[in-house]
Amino acid sequence: MPLTIGKIVRHVDETRRENGQDLDRPIRTAVFAVIFENPFPLEYAEDLIATADEVAAELGELMAPGVVELLGTEVEAFGKGALVGFKGEVEHGSALIHNMGFGNPFRTASQGTELLPAAEKRGLAGATIDIPLKHKLEARTRSHHQTFTFQVADAPAEDEILIALAASDGGRPLARLAPLTAA
């Protein structure tokens, strides 16, 4: 089942100052989002697996290299999100982003090993989604625990899904937490 893509959105954010302090280097966060027709039945269906596997693999191959290229530097932190139009189910987004066919291409493209943190929800066009980010090699690296708020003003429509990948070349600006230690 080929995707019916309505829009691809690329966004790069570059933070240079935080709380009146210049950063040692700018921290970039890139988001690559695809908005497409919901491929799942809008009425309840028990089995989502076949559709999810096919669509997730197609999305992963399209989006993973796109977000790494968009960032333009080495990825340190990554995450993913799904925003489902209100005629769909949260499960539709979850079935796509919690799928190895979607996550593995991003881990490979970013040279990461950790599971991608995720957020998924239903919403109206223009709703925000807070995409969680964690370190690509060690999810317990506290300096990289953060979220990136993202939105597309006219998406998703009621029968669409917005899937987003986020990549950052650093942690939080001015992170000062002590390293995680065993209790």
Protein backbone atom coordinates (compact mmCIF):
# COMPACT_ATOMS: atom_id res chain seq x y z
CA MET A 1 0.00 0.00 0.00
CA PRO A 2 1.76 3.16 -1.13
CA LEU A 3 1.54 6.22 1.06
CA THR A 4 -0.62 9.07 -0.12
CA ILE A 5 1.58 11.95 1.06
CA GLY A 6 0.04 15.37 1.24
CA LYS A 7 2.99 17.28 2.63
CA ILE A 8 6.56 16.96 3.85
CA VAL A 9 7.74 19.57 6.36
CA ARG A 10 11.39 20.19 7.22
CA HIS A 11 12.27 22.39 10.19
CA VAL A 12 15.63 23.35 11.73
CA ASP A 13 15.97 25.19 15.03
CA GLU A 14 19.33 26.65 16.11
CA THR A 15 19.78 27.82 19.70
CA ARG A 16 22.70 30.23 20.28
CA ARG A 17 21.78 31.82 23.66
CA GLU A 18 19.88 30.55 26.66
CA ASN A 19 18.88 32.57 29.71
CA GLY A 20 21.17 35.43 28.68
CA GLN A 21 24.19 33.14 28.26
CA ASP A 22 26.02 32.55 24.98
CA LEU A 23 26.40 28.84 24.25
CA ASP A 24 29.82 27.39 23.51
CA ARG A 25 28.37 26.33 20.17
CA PRO A 26 24.92 26.51 18.60
CA ILE A 27 22.68 23.51 19.24
CA ARG A 28 20.66 22.41 16.24
CA THR A 29 17.46 20.39 16.26
CA ALA A 30 15.94 19.16 13.01
CA VAL A 31 12.44 17.80 12.50
CA PHE A 32 11.37 15.93 9.37
CA ALA A 33 7.62 15.39 9.24
CA VAL A 34 5.37 13.63 6.76
CA ILE A 35 1.62 14.20 6.59
CA PHE A 36 -0.31 11.50 4.77
CA GLU A 37 -3.75 9.95 4.42
CA ASN A 38 -4.48 7.57 7.29
CA PRO A 39 -3.92 4.13 5.70
CA PHE A 40 -5.96 2.32 8.37
CA PRO A 41 -9.74 1.84 8.33
CA LEU A 42 -11.37 4.70 10.21
CA GLU A 43 -13.82 2.25 11.74
CA TYR A 44 -12.40 -0.18 14.33
CA ALA A 45 -10.27 -2.98 12.89
CA GLU A 46 -8.69 -5.67 15.04
CA ASP A 47 -5.65 -6.34 12.84
CA LEU A 48 -3.37 -3.41 12.00
CA ILE A 49 -0.14 -5.38 11.56
CA ALA A 50 0.08 -5.90 7.79
CA THR A 51 -0.68 -2.27 6.99
CA ALA A 52 1.56 -1.02 9.81
CA ASP A 53 4.54 -3.10 8.69
CA GLU A 54 4.31 -1.94 5.08
CA VAL A 55 3.69 1.75 5.78
CA ALA A 56 6.21 1.96 8.65
CA ALA A 57 8.98 0.57 6.45
CA GLU A 58 8.17 3.05 3.67
CA LEU A 59 8.16 5.94 6.17
CA GLY A 60 11.41 4.81 7.79
CA GLU A 61 13.26 4.66 4.49
CA LEU A 62 11.98 8.10 3.47
CA MET A 63 12.36 9.94 6.76
CA ALA A 64 15.52 8.59 8.45
CA PRO A 65 18.05 9.83 5.91
CA GLY A 66 16.02 13.01 5.47
CA VAL A 67 16.25 14.14 9.10
CA VAL A 68 19.95 13.25 9.41
CA GLU A 69 20.73 15.19 6.22
CA LEU A 70 18.59 18.10 7.40
CA LEU A 71 20.47 18.31 10.72
CA GLY A 72 23.73 18.55 8.78
CA THR A 73 25.91 17.51 11.74
CA GLU A 74 26.37 14.39 13.85
CA VAL A 75 23.21 13.29 15.66
CA GLU A 76 23.53 13.11 19.46
CA ALA A 77 19.87 12.86 20.46
CA PHE A 78 16.77 11.59 18.71
CA GLY A 79 13.05 11.00 19.05
CA LYS A 80 9.79 10.47 17.20
CA GLY A 81 6.16 11.49 17.34
CA ALA A 82 2.78 10.74 15.79
CA LEU A 83 -0.17 13.10 15.64
CA VAL A 84 -3.32 11.40 14.35
CA GLY A 85 -6.24 13.36 12.91
CA PHE A 86 -9.35 13.07 15.08
CA LYS A 87 -11.16 10.50 12.90
CA GLY A 88 -8.31 8.05 13.47
CA GLU A 89 -7.04 6.30 16.60
CA VAL A 90 -3.91 6.96 18.64
CA GLU A 91 -3.21 3.27 17.94
CA HIS A 92 -2.82 4.09 14.23
CA GLY A 93 0.12 6.37 14.96
CA SER A 94 1.54 3.97 17.55
CA ALA A 95 1.40 1.06 15.11
CA LEU A 96 3.60 3.02 12.72
CA ILE A 97 6.19 4.58 15.00
CA HIS A 98 6.59 1.60 17.37
CA ASN A 99 7.61 -0.62 14.50
CA MET A 100 11.14 -1.85 13.78
CA GLY A 101 10.66 -1.03 10.09
CA PHE A 102 10.32 2.60 11.12
CA GLY A 103 12.84 2.85 13.98
CA ASN A 104 15.70 0.77 12.62
CA PRO A 105 16.41 3.00 9.59
CA PHE A 106 16.70 6.02 11.93
CA ARG A 107 18.99 4.19 14.34
CA THR A 108 21.16 3.14 11.39
CA ALA A 109 21.21 6.60 9.75
CA SER A 110 22.07 8.33 13.05
CA GLN A 111 24.48 5.60 14.23
CA GLY A 112 22.35 5.18 17.35
CA THR A 113 21.69 2.12 19.46
CA GLU A 114 18.94 3.17 21.89
CA LEU A 115 15.21 2.84 21.46
CA LEU A 116 13.70 6.07 20.19
CA PRO A 117 11.60 7.91 22.77
CA ALA A 118 8.14 8.64 21.43
CA ALA A 119 4.95 10.61 21.85
CA GLU A 120 1.66 9.95 20.15
CA LYS A 121 -1.75 11.54 20.38
CA ARG A 122 -4.84 12.56 18.44
CA GLY A 123 -5.49 16.18 17.59
CA LEU A 124 -6.95 18.78 15.31
CA ALA A 125 -5.05 20.50 12.53
CA GLY A 126 -2.46 22.80 14.08
CA ALA A 127 -2.18 20.84 17.33
CA THR A 128 1.28 20.70 18.85
CA ILE A 129 3.19 17.56 19.65
CA ASP A 130 6.06 17.44 22.14
CA ILE A 131 8.65 15.10 20.67
CA PRO A 132 10.87 13.61 23.39
CA LEU A 133 14.60 13.42 22.73
CA LYS A 134 17.21 11.23 24.40
CA HIS A 135 20.86 10.45 23.74
CA LYS A 136 21.24 8.04 20.82
CA LEU A 137 23.81 5.81 22.59
CA GLU A 138 22.94 6.10 26.27
CA ALA A 139 19.34 6.99 27.09
CA ARG A 140 20.31 7.66 30.71
CA THR A 141 22.45 10.67 29.72
CA ARG A 142 20.43 13.28 31.57
CA SER A 143 21.77 16.30 29.67
CA HIS A 144 19.97 15.07 26.55
CA HIS A 145 16.52 14.48 28.11
CA GLN A 146 14.33 17.14 26.54
CA THR A 147 11.31 17.70 24.32
CA PHE A 148 10.90 19.67 21.14
CA THR A 149 7.48 21.19 20.46
CA PHE A 150 6.43 20.92 16.83
CA GLN A 151 3.34 21.81 14.85
CA VAL A 152 2.11 22.24 11.30
CA ALA A 153 -0.61 24.90 11.10
CA ASP A 154 -2.88 23.00 8.71
CA ALA A 155 -2.18 19.38 9.62
CA PRO A 156 -3.21 16.75 10.28
CA ALA A 157 -6.66 16.83 8.70
CA GLU A 158 -9.24 14.59 10.34
CA ASP A 159 -8.31 11.62 8.13
CA GLU A 160 -4.53 12.18 8.10
CA ILE A 161 -1.54 11.26 10.23
CA LEU A 162 1.51 13.44 10.90
CA ILE A 163 4.66 11.45 11.70
CA ALA A 164 7.78 13.34 12.79
CA LEU A 165 11.39 12.41 13.45
CA ALA A 166 13.60 14.77 15.45
CA ALA A 167 17.38 14.82 15.69
CA SER A 168 19.64 17.13 17.69
CA ASP A 169 23.39 17.65 17.71
CA GLY A 170 23.45 18.35 21.46
CA GLY A 171 21.64 18.19 24.74
CA ARG A 172 19.76 20.90 26.56
CA PRO A 173 21.40 24.31 26.44
CA LEU A 174 23.27 24.97 29.72
CA ALA A 175 22.54 21.47 31.13
CA ARG A 176 23.95 21.26 34.66
CA LEU A 177 22.60 18.04 36.14
CA ALA A 178 25.00 15.71 37.89
CA PRO A 179 25.69 12.47 36.02
CA LEU A 180 23.35 9.58 36.77
CA THR A 181 24.79 7.25 39.41
CA ALA A 182 23.64 3.88 40.68
CA ALA A 183 21.52 4.06 43.81
